[in-house]
PDB file of N, CA and C in Angstrom:
ATOM      1  N   MET A   1     109.900  55.153 195.760  1.00  0.00           N
ATOM      2  CA  MET A   1     109.333  54.363 194.688  1.00  0.00           C
ATOM      3  C   MET A   1     110.258  53.181 194.422  1.00  0.00           C
ATOM      4  N   GLN A   2     109.666  52.082 194.002  1.00  0.00           N
ATOM      5  CA  GLN A   2     110.411  50.877 193.679  1.00  0.00           C
ATOM      6  C   GLN A   2     110.113  50.490 192.223  1.00  0.00           C
ATOM      7  N   PRO A   3     110.902  51.028 191.278  1.00  0.00           N
ATOM      8  CA  PRO A   3     110.632  50.796 189.850  1.00  0.00           C
ATOM      9  C   PRO A   3     110.591  49.325 189.456  1.00  0.00           C
ATOM     10  N   GLU A   4     111.360  48.501 190.154  1.00  0.00           N
ATOM     11  CA  GLU A   4     111.384  47.079 189.799  1.00  0.00           C
ATOM     12  C   GLU A   4     110.023  46.412 190.018  1.00  0.00           C
ATOM     13  N   LEU A   5     109.189  46.985 190.875  1.00  0.00           N
ATOM     14  CA  LEU A   5     107.858  46.417 191.115  1.00  0.00           C
ATOM     15  C   LEU A   5     106.870  46.752 190.000  1.00  0.00           C
ATOM     16  N   ILE A   6     107.059  47.891 189.358  1.00  0.00           N
ATOM     17  CA  ILE A   6     106.125  48.291 188.309  1.00  0.00           C
ATOM     18  C   ILE A   6     106.641  48.013 186.902  1.00  0.00           C
ATOM     19  N   ALA A   7     107.932  47.793 186.757  1.00  0.00           N
ATOM     20  CA  ALA A   7     108.538  47.567 185.436  1.00  0.00           C
ATOM     21  C   ALA A   7     107.880  46.432 184.640  1.00  0.00           C
ATOM     22  N   PRO A   8     107.472  45.328 185.255  1.00  0.00           N
ATOM     23  CA  PRO A   8     106.840  44.257 184.468  1.00  0.00           C
ATOM     24  C   PRO A   8     105.539  44.689 183.781  1.00  0.00           C
ATOM     25  N   TYR A   9     104.945  45.764 184.235  1.00  0.00           N
ATOM     26  CA  TYR A   9     103.673  46.211 183.668  1.00  0.00           C
ATOM     27  C   TYR A   9     103.842  47.177 182.500  1.00  0.00           C
ATOM     28  N   PHE A  10     105.031  47.666 182.269  1.00  0.00           N
ATOM     29  CA  PHE A  10     105.244  48.634 181.192  1.00  0.00           C
ATOM     30  C   PHE A  10     104.945  48.031 179.818  1.00  0.00           C
ATOM     31  N   GLU A  11     105.412  46.816 179.570  1.00  0.00           N
ATOM     32  CA  GLU A  11     105.148  46.175 178.280  1.00  0.00           C
ATOM     33  C   GLU A  11     103.648  45.947 178.084  1.00  0.00           C
ATOM     34  N   LYS A  12     102.955  45.598 179.144  1.00  0.00           N
ATOM     35  CA  LYS A  12     101.503  45.416 179.065  1.00  0.00           C
ATOM     36  C   LYS A  12     100.822  46.739 178.723  1.00  0.00           C
ATOM     37  N   TYR A  13     101.337  47.817 179.283  1.00  0.00           N
ATOM     38  CA  TYR A  13     100.806  49.158 178.984  1.00  0.00           C
ATOM     39  C   TYR A  13     100.899  49.430 177.486  1.00  0.00           C
ATOM     40  N   TYR A  14     102.085  49.233 176.917  1.00  0.00           N
ATOM     41  CA  TYR A  14     102.266  49.493 175.483  1.00  0.00           C
ATOM     42  C   TYR A  14     101.422  48.557 174.629  1.00  0.00           C
ATOM     43  N   ALA A  15     101.277  47.314 175.066  1.00  0.00           N
ATOM     44  CA  ALA A  15     100.491  46.345 174.310  1.00  0.00           C
ATOM     45  C   ALA A  15      99.005  46.705 174.293  1.00  0.00           C
ATOM     46  N   GLN A  16      98.515  47.309 175.351  1.00  0.00           N
ATOM     47  CA  GLN A  16      97.087  47.614 175.470  1.00  0.00           C
ATOM     48  C   GLN A  16      96.723  49.039 175.059  1.00  0.00           C
ATOM     49  N   LEU A  17      97.695  49.906 174.946  1.00  0.00           N
ATOM     50  CA  LEU A  17      97.432  51.337 174.749  1.00  0.00           C
ATOM     51  C   LEU A  17      96.558  51.618 173.529  1.00  0.00           C
ATOM     52  N   LYS A  18      96.922  51.111 172.384  1.00  0.00           N
ATOM     53  CA  LYS A  18      96.151  51.384 171.160  1.00  0.00           C
ATOM     54  C   LYS A  18      94.745  50.796 171.254  1.00  0.00           C
ATOM     55  N   ARG A  19      94.619  49.620 171.848  1.00  0.00           N
ATOM     56  CA  ARG A  19      93.292  49.012 171.996  1.00  0.00           C
ATOM     57  C   ARG A  19      92.394  49.867 172.876  1.00  0.00           C
ATOM     58  N   VAL A  20      92.950  50.417 173.947  1.00  0.00           N
ATOM     59  CA  VAL A  20      92.177  51.291 174.832  1.00  0.00           C
ATOM     60  C   VAL A  20      91.722  52.535 174.072  1.00  0.00           C
ATOM     61  N   ILE A  21      92.606  53.109 173.281  1.00  0.00           N
ATOM     62  CA  ILE A  21      92.250  54.302 172.494  1.00  0.00           C
ATOM     63  C   ILE A  21      91.118  53.989 171.530  1.00  0.00           C
ATOM     64  N   ASP A  22      91.190  52.820 170.903  1.00  0.00           N
ATOM     65  CA  ASP A  22      90.200  52.447 169.894  1.00  0.00           C
ATOM     66  C   ASP A  22      88.860  51.992 170.468  1.00  0.00           C
ATOM     67  N   THR A  23      88.847  51.492 171.704  1.00  0.00           N
ATOM     68  CA  THR A  23      87.619  50.882 172.215  1.00  0.00           C
ATOM     69  C   THR A  23      86.960  51.623 173.374  1.00  0.00           C
ATOM     70  N   ARG A  24      87.641  52.565 173.977  1.00  0.00           N
ATOM     71  CA  ARG A  24      87.081  53.280 175.123  1.00  0.00           C
ATOM     72  C   ARG A  24      86.816  54.728 174.771  1.00  0.00           C
ATOM     73  N   ASP A  25      86.010  55.383 175.590  1.00  0.00           N
ATOM     74  CA  ASP A  25      85.749  56.800 175.349  1.00  0.00           C
ATOM     75  C   ASP A  25      87.004  57.613 175.677  1.00  0.00           C
ATOM     76  N   ARG A  26      87.011  58.839 175.190  1.00  0.00           N
ATOM     77  CA  ARG A  26      88.200  59.679 175.316  1.00  0.00           C
ATOM     78  C   ARG A  26      88.595  59.912 176.771  1.00  0.00           C
ATOM     79  N   GLU A  27      87.622  60.157 177.638  1.00  0.00           N
ATOM     80  CA  GLU A  27      87.938  60.428 179.045  1.00  0.00           C
ATOM     81  C   GLU A  27      88.653  59.242 179.693  1.00  0.00           C
ATOM     82  N   PHE A  28      88.129  58.055 179.475  1.00  0.00           N
ATOM     83  CA  PHE A  28      88.774  56.865 180.028  1.00  0.00           C
ATOM     84  C   PHE A  28      90.161  56.688 179.426  1.00  0.00           C
ATOM     85  N   ALA A  29      90.264  56.841 178.103  1.00  0.00           N
ATOM     86  CA  ALA A  29      91.545  56.653 177.408  1.00  0.00           C
ATOM     87  C   ALA A  29      92.603  57.626 177.929  1.00  0.00           C
ATOM     88  N   GLU A  30      92.216  58.877 178.140  1.00  0.00           N
ATOM     89  CA  GLU A  30      93.173  59.860 178.641  1.00  0.00           C
ATOM     90  C   GLU A  30      93.625  59.521 180.064  1.00  0.00           C
ATOM     91  N   CYS A  31      92.724  59.071 180.893  1.00  0.00           N
ATOM     92  CA  CYS A  31      93.096  58.662 182.260  1.00  0.00           C
ATOM     93  C   CYS A  31      94.048  57.480 182.217  1.00  0.00           C
ATOM     94  N   PHE A  32      93.754  56.514 181.363  1.00  0.00           N
ATOM     95  CA  PHE A  32      94.612  55.343 181.221  1.00  0.00           C
ATOM     96  C   PHE A  32      95.994  55.757 180.728  1.00  0.00           C
ATOM     97  N   MET A  33      96.027  56.549 179.650  1.00  0.00           N
ATOM     98  CA  MET A  33      97.301  56.954 179.047  1.00  0.00           C
ATOM     99  C   MET A  33      98.182  57.697 180.039  1.00  0.00           C
ATOM    100  N   GLN A  34      97.609  58.700 180.680  1.00  0.00           N
ATOM    101  CA  GLN A  34      98.401  59.567 181.544  1.00  0.00           C
ATOM    102  C   GLN A  34      98.705  58.927 182.887  1.00  0.00           C
ATOM    103  N   GLY A  35      97.745  58.238 183.442  1.00  0.00           N
ATOM    104  CA  GLY A  35      97.926  57.686 184.767  1.00  0.00           C
ATOM    105  C   GLY A  35      98.888  56.512 184.831  1.00  0.00           C
ATOM    106  N   LEU A  36      99.004  55.784 183.739  1.00  0.00           N
ATOM    107  CA  LEU A  36      99.846  54.589 183.746  1.00  0.00           C
ATOM    108  C   LEU A  36     101.102  54.725 182.890  1.00  0.00           C
ATOM    109  N   SER A  37     101.314  55.870 182.304  1.00  0.00           N
ATOM    110  CA  SER A  37     102.460  56.057 181.407  1.00  0.00           C
ATOM    111  C   SER A  37     103.793  55.869 182.124  1.00  0.00           C
ATOM    112  N   PRO A  38     104.677  55.051 181.549  1.00  0.00           N
ATOM    113  CA  PRO A  38     106.004  54.870 182.130  1.00  0.00           C
ATOM    114  C   PRO A  38     107.022  55.907 181.657  1.00  0.00           C
ATOM    115  N   ALA A  39     106.583  56.963 181.018  1.00  0.00           N
ATOM    116  CA  ALA A  39     107.509  57.969 180.474  1.00  0.00           C
ATOM    117  C   ALA A  39     108.380  58.590 181.562  1.00  0.00           C
ATOM    118  N   PHE A  40     107.879  58.674 182.777  1.00  0.00           N
ATOM    119  CA  PHE A  40     108.655  59.288 183.863  1.00  0.00           C
ATOM    120  C   PHE A  40     109.968  58.548 184.124  1.00  0.00           C
ATOM    121  N   MET A  41     110.054  57.295 183.707  1.00  0.00           N
ATOM    122  CA  MET A  41     111.283  56.523 183.881  1.00  0.00           C
ATOM    123  C   MET A  41     112.349  56.951 182.876  1.00  0.00           C
ATOM    124  N   ALA A  42     111.913  57.486 181.743  1.00  0.00           N
ATOM    125  CA  ALA A  42     112.792  57.977 180.680  1.00  0.00           C
ATOM    126  C   ALA A  42     113.825  56.940 180.248  1.00  0.00           C
ATOM    127  N   ARG A  43     113.366  55.712 180.112  1.00  0.00           N
ATOM    128  CA  ARG A  43     114.248  54.655 179.630  1.00  0.00           C
ATOM    129  C   ARG A  43     114.268  54.671 178.102  1.00  0.00           C
ATOM    130  N   GLU A  44     115.329  54.148 177.524  1.00  0.00           N
ATOM    131  CA  GLU A  44     115.439  54.093 176.066  1.00  0.00           C
ATOM    132  C   GLU A  44     114.278  53.316 175.461  1.00  0.00           C
ATOM    133  N   GLN A  45     113.903  52.204 176.087  1.00  0.00           N
ATOM    134  CA  GLN A  45     112.821  51.393 175.545  1.00  0.00           C
ATOM    135  C   GLN A  45     111.475  52.126 175.596  1.00  0.00           C
ATOM    136  N   ASP A  46     111.298  53.012 176.558  1.00  0.00           N
ATOM    137  CA  ASP A  46     110.063  53.801 176.605  1.00  0.00           C
ATOM    138  C   ASP A  46     110.047  54.809 175.458  1.00  0.00           C
ATOM    139  N   GLU A  47     111.157  55.470 175.260  1.00  0.00           N
ATOM    140  CA  GLU A  47     111.247  56.424 174.149  1.00  0.00           C
ATOM    141  C   GLU A  47     111.010  55.714 172.819  1.00  0.00           C
ATOM    142  N   SER A  48     111.597  54.555 172.652  1.00  0.00           N
ATOM    143  CA  SER A  48     111.412  53.776 171.420  1.00  0.00           C
ATOM    144  C   SER A  48     109.958  53.346 171.248  1.00  0.00           C
ATOM    145  N   ALA A  49     109.332  52.905 172.319  1.00  0.00           N
ATOM    146  CA  ALA A  49     107.938  52.449 172.238  1.00  0.00           C
ATOM    147  C   ALA A  49     107.003  53.600 171.875  1.00  0.00           C
ATOM    148  N   PHE A  50     107.176  54.748 172.508  1.00  0.00           N
ATOM    149  CA  PHE A  50     106.329  55.898 172.176  1.00  0.00           C
ATOM    150  C   PHE A  50     106.597  56.392 170.752  1.00  0.00           C
ATOM    151  N   THR A  51     107.847  56.388 170.346  1.00  0.00           N
ATOM    152  CA  THR A  51     108.193  56.821 168.988  1.00  0.00           C
ATOM    153  C   THR A  51     107.601  55.875 167.955  1.00  0.00           C
ATOM    154  N   GLU A  52     107.646  54.578 168.231  1.00  0.00           N
ATOM    155  CA  GLU A  52     107.060  53.589 167.329  1.00  0.00           C
ATOM    156  C   GLU A  52     105.549  53.801 167.206  1.00  0.00           C
ATOM    157  N   LEU A  53     104.874  53.985 168.319  1.00  0.00           N
ATOM    158  CA  LEU A  53     103.431  54.252 168.272  1.00  0.00           C
ATOM    159  C   LEU A  53     103.147  55.541 167.506  1.00  0.00           C
ATOM    160  N   LEU A  54     103.956  56.540 167.723  1.00  0.00           N
ATOM    161  CA  LEU A  54     103.785  57.831 167.043  1.00  0.00           C
ATOM    162  C   LEU A  54     103.968  57.691 165.537  1.00  0.00           C
ATOM    163  N   SER A  55     104.897  56.858 165.123  1.00  0.00           N
ATOM    164  CA  SER A  55     105.154  56.686 163.685  1.00  0.00           C
ATOM    165  C   SER A  55     103.957  56.067 162.963  1.00  0.00           C
ATOM    166  N   ARG A  56     103.094  55.388 163.699  1.00  0.00           N
ATOM    167  CA  ARG A  56     101.917  54.753 163.099  1.00  0.00           C
ATOM    168  C   ARG A  56     100.684  55.651 163.118  1.00  0.00           C
ATOM    169  N   CYS A  57     100.805  56.852 163.691  1.00  0.00           N
ATOM    170  CA  CYS A  57      99.668  57.779 163.755  1.00  0.00           C
ATOM    171  C   CYS A  57      99.649  58.659 162.514  1.00  0.00           C
ATOM    172  N   SER A  58      98.461  58.891 162.006  1.00  0.00           N
ATOM    173  CA  SER A  58      98.346  59.706 160.786  1.00  0.00           C
ATOM    174  C   SER A  58      97.708  61.072 161.034  1.00  0.00           C
ATOM    175  N   ASP A  59      96.929  61.207 162.077  1.00  0.00           N
ATOM    176  CA  ASP A  59      96.235  62.472 162.363  1.00  0.00           C
ATOM    177  C   ASP A  59      97.023  63.261 163.400  1.00  0.00           C
ATOM    178  N   ASP A  60      97.674  64.336 162.966  1.00  0.00           N
ATOM    179  CA  ASP A  60      98.527  65.139 163.850  1.00  0.00           C
ATOM    180  C   ASP A  60      97.761  65.887 164.930  1.00  0.00           C
ATOM    181  N   THR A  61      96.446  65.972 164.812  1.00  0.00           N
ATOM    182  CA  THR A  61      95.661  66.711 165.800  1.00  0.00           C
ATOM    183  C   THR A  61      94.887  65.790 166.744  1.00  0.00           C
ATOM    184  N   HIS A  62      94.941  64.515 166.528  1.00  0.00           N
ATOM    185  CA  HIS A  62      94.223  63.560 167.375  1.00  0.00           C
ATOM    186  C   HIS A  62      94.835  63.567 168.776  1.00  0.00           C
ATOM    187  N   PHE A  63      94.013  63.449 169.792  1.00  0.00           N
ATOM    188  CA  PHE A  63      94.498  63.518 171.176  1.00  0.00           C
ATOM    189  C   PHE A  63      95.549  62.458 171.476  1.00  0.00           C
ATOM    190  N   PHE A  64      95.452  61.295 170.848  1.00  0.00           N
ATOM    191  CA  PHE A  64      96.442  60.238 171.073  1.00  0.00           C
ATOM    192  C   PHE A  64      97.804  60.644 170.503  1.00  0.00           C
ATOM    193  N   THR A  65      97.804  61.199 169.311  1.00  0.00           N
ATOM    194  CA  THR A  65      99.050  61.666 168.698  1.00  0.00           C
ATOM    195  C   THR A  65      99.690  62.755 169.538  1.00  0.00           C
ATOM    196  N   LEU A  66      98.893  63.694 170.002  1.00  0.00           N
ATOM    197  CA  LEU A  66      99.416  64.779 170.841  1.00  0.00           C
ATOM    198  C   LEU A  66      99.991  64.226 172.140  1.00  0.00           C
ATOM    199  N   PHE A  67      99.318  63.244 172.720  1.00  0.00           N
ATOM    200  CA  PHE A  67      99.817  62.610 173.939  1.00  0.00           C
ATOM    201  C   PHE A  67     101.174  61.957 173.690  1.00  0.00           C
ATOM    202  N   LEU A  68     101.287  61.210 172.605  1.00  0.00           N
ATOM    203  CA  LEU A  68     102.551  60.531 172.294  1.00  0.00           C
ATOM    204  C   LEU A  68     103.690  61.520 172.110  1.00  0.00           C
ATOM    205  N   LYS A  69     103.410  62.625 171.419  1.00  0.00           N
ATOM    206  CA  LYS A  69     104.436  63.659 171.223  1.00  0.00           C
ATOM    207  C   LYS A  69     104.882  64.234 172.569  1.00  0.00           C
ATOM    208  N   LYS A  70     103.935  64.470 173.459  1.00  0.00           N
ATOM    209  CA  LYS A  70     104.274  65.001 174.781  1.00  0.00           C
ATOM    210  C   LYS A  70     105.120  64.017 175.577  1.00  0.00           C
ATOM    211  N   GLN A  71     104.831  62.732 175.445  1.00  0.00           N
ATOM    212  CA  GLN A  71     105.603  61.724 176.174  1.00  0.00           C
ATOM    213  C   GLN A  71     107.046  61.672 175.674  1.00  0.00           C
ATOM    214  N   VAL A  72     107.216  61.727 174.353  1.00  0.00           N
ATOM    215  CA  VAL A  72     108.568  61.726 173.773  1.00  0.00           C
ATOM    216  C   VAL A  72     109.322  62.975 174.218  1.00  0.00           C
ATOM    217  N   ASP A  73     108.648  64.128 174.178  1.00  0.00           N
ATOM    218  CA  ASP A  73     109.277  65.380 174.623  1.00  0.00           C
ATOM    219  C   ASP A  73     109.662  65.311 176.096  1.00  0.00           C
ATOM    220  N   MET A  74     108.775  64.748 176.912  1.00  0.00           N
ATOM    221  CA  MET A  74     109.055  64.652 178.340  1.00  0.00           C
ATOM    222  C   MET A  74     110.248  63.734 178.604  1.00  0.00           C
ATOM    223  N   ILE A  75     110.326  62.638 177.888  1.00  0.00           N
ATOM    224  CA  ILE A  75     111.455  61.723 178.056  1.00  0.00           C
ATOM    225  C   ILE A  75     112.754  62.422 177.693  1.00  0.00           C
ATOM    226  N   GLU A  76     112.750  63.159 176.600  1.00  0.00           N
ATOM    227  CA  GLU A  76     113.958  63.891 176.195  1.00  0.00           C
ATOM    228  C   GLU A  76     114.348  64.925 177.242  1.00  0.00           C
ATOM    229  N   LEU A  77     113.384  65.618 177.800  1.00  0.00           N
ATOM    230  CA  LEU A  77     113.646  66.609 178.832  1.00  0.00           C
ATOM    231  C   LEU A  77     114.229  65.964 180.097  1.00  0.00           C
ATOM    232  N   ILE A  78     113.675  64.853 180.501  1.00  0.00           N
ATOM    233  CA  ILE A  78     114.172  64.139 181.679  1.00  0.00           C
ATOM    234  C   ILE A  78     115.601  63.663 181.443  1.00  0.00           C
ATOM    235  N   LYS A  79     115.870  63.144 180.253  1.00  0.00           N
ATOM    236  CA  LYS A  79     117.219  62.676 179.946  1.00  0.00           C
ATOM    237  C   LYS A  79     118.224  63.831 179.975  1.00  0.00           C
ATOM    238  N   LYS A  80     117.839  64.978 179.441  1.00  0.00           N
ATOM    239  CA  LYS A  80     118.717  66.153 179.477  1.00  0.00           C
ATOM    240  C   LYS A  80     118.941  66.610 180.915  1.00  0.00           C
ATOM    241  N   SER A  81     117.895  66.592 181.699  1.00  0.00           N
ATOM    242  CA  SER A  81     118.000  66.993 183.106  1.00  0.00           C
ATOM    243  C   SER A  81     118.931  66.061 183.866  1.00  0.00           C
ATOM    244  N   ARG A  82     118.792  64.777 183.628  1.00  0.00           N
ATOM    245  CA  ARG A  82     119.677  63.803 184.272  1.00  0.00           C
ATOM    246  C   ARG A  82     121.135  64.053 183.892  1.00  0.00           C
ATOM    247  N   HIS A  83     121.336  64.314 182.610  1.00  0.00           N
ATOM    248  CA  HIS A  83     122.705  64.563 182.142  1.00  0.00           C
ATOM    249  C   HIS A  83     123.294  65.795 182.822  1.00  0.00           C
ATOM    250  N   LEU A  84     122.507  66.853 182.923  1.00  0.00           N
ATOM    251  CA  LEU A  84     122.988  68.066 183.594  1.00  0.00           C
ATOM    252  C   LEU A  84     123.319  67.795 185.054  1.00  0.00           C
ATOM    253  N   CYS A  85     122.481  67.045 185.714  1.00  0.00           N
ATOM    254  CA  CYS A  85     122.736  66.713 187.136  1.00  0.00           C
ATOM    255  C   CYS A  85     124.007  65.879 187.289  1.00  0.00           C
ATOM    256  N   GLU A  86     124.223  64.980 186.373  1.00  0.00           N
ATOM    257  CA  GLU A  86     125.399  64.106 186.454  1.00  0.00           C
ATOM    258  C   GLU A  86     126.693  64.825 186.110  1.00  0.00           C
ATOM    259  N   THR A  87     126.615  65.853 185.271  1.00  0.00           N
ATOM    260  CA  THR A  87     127.840  66.510 184.816  1.00  0.00           C
ATOM    261  C   THR A  87     128.096  67.865 185.476  1.00  0.00           C
ATOM    262  N   PHE A  88     127.147  68.357 186.247  1.00  0.00           N
ATOM    263  CA  PHE A  88     127.316  69.658 186.883  1.00  0.00           C
ATOM    264  C   PHE A  88     128.368  69.577 187.970  1.00  0.00           C
ATOM    265  N   ARG A  89     129.231  70.555 187.969  1.00  0.00           N
ATOM    266  CA  ARG A  89     130.290  70.605 188.980  1.00  0.00           C
ATOM    267  C   ARG A  89     130.380  72.012 189.542  1.00  0.00           C
ATOM    268  N   ILE A  90     130.554  72.097 190.800  1.00  0.00           N
ATOM    269  CA  ILE A  90     130.811  73.385 191.453  1.00  0.00           C
ATOM    270  C   ILE A  90     132.300  73.427 191.747  1.00  0.00           C
ATOM    271  N   ASP A  91     132.953  74.374 191.137  1.00  0.00           N
ATOM    272  CA  ASP A  91     134.413  74.496 191.345  1.00  0.00           C
ATOM    273  C   ASP A  91     134.749  75.631 192.266  1.00  0.00           C
TER     274      ASP A  91
END
């Protein structure tokens, strides 16, 4: 994978995400959210963007809110995994 090729599209993803949720049907919105999510990169700016979107959600059971929570959790898990890989030593 070449992250530098897809990185320019991450900001566009965040800019369009709420509009897609509000204007498209749930099936399309879920495909868009999951298929294009940059959460796998686990960058600080991704965590901040998802957290910011989450802070503006009021319905804790809405599929969009649940998706955002999962993305934040996944980013935290990836960051912990990276840390373990970087600090693990076999003596």
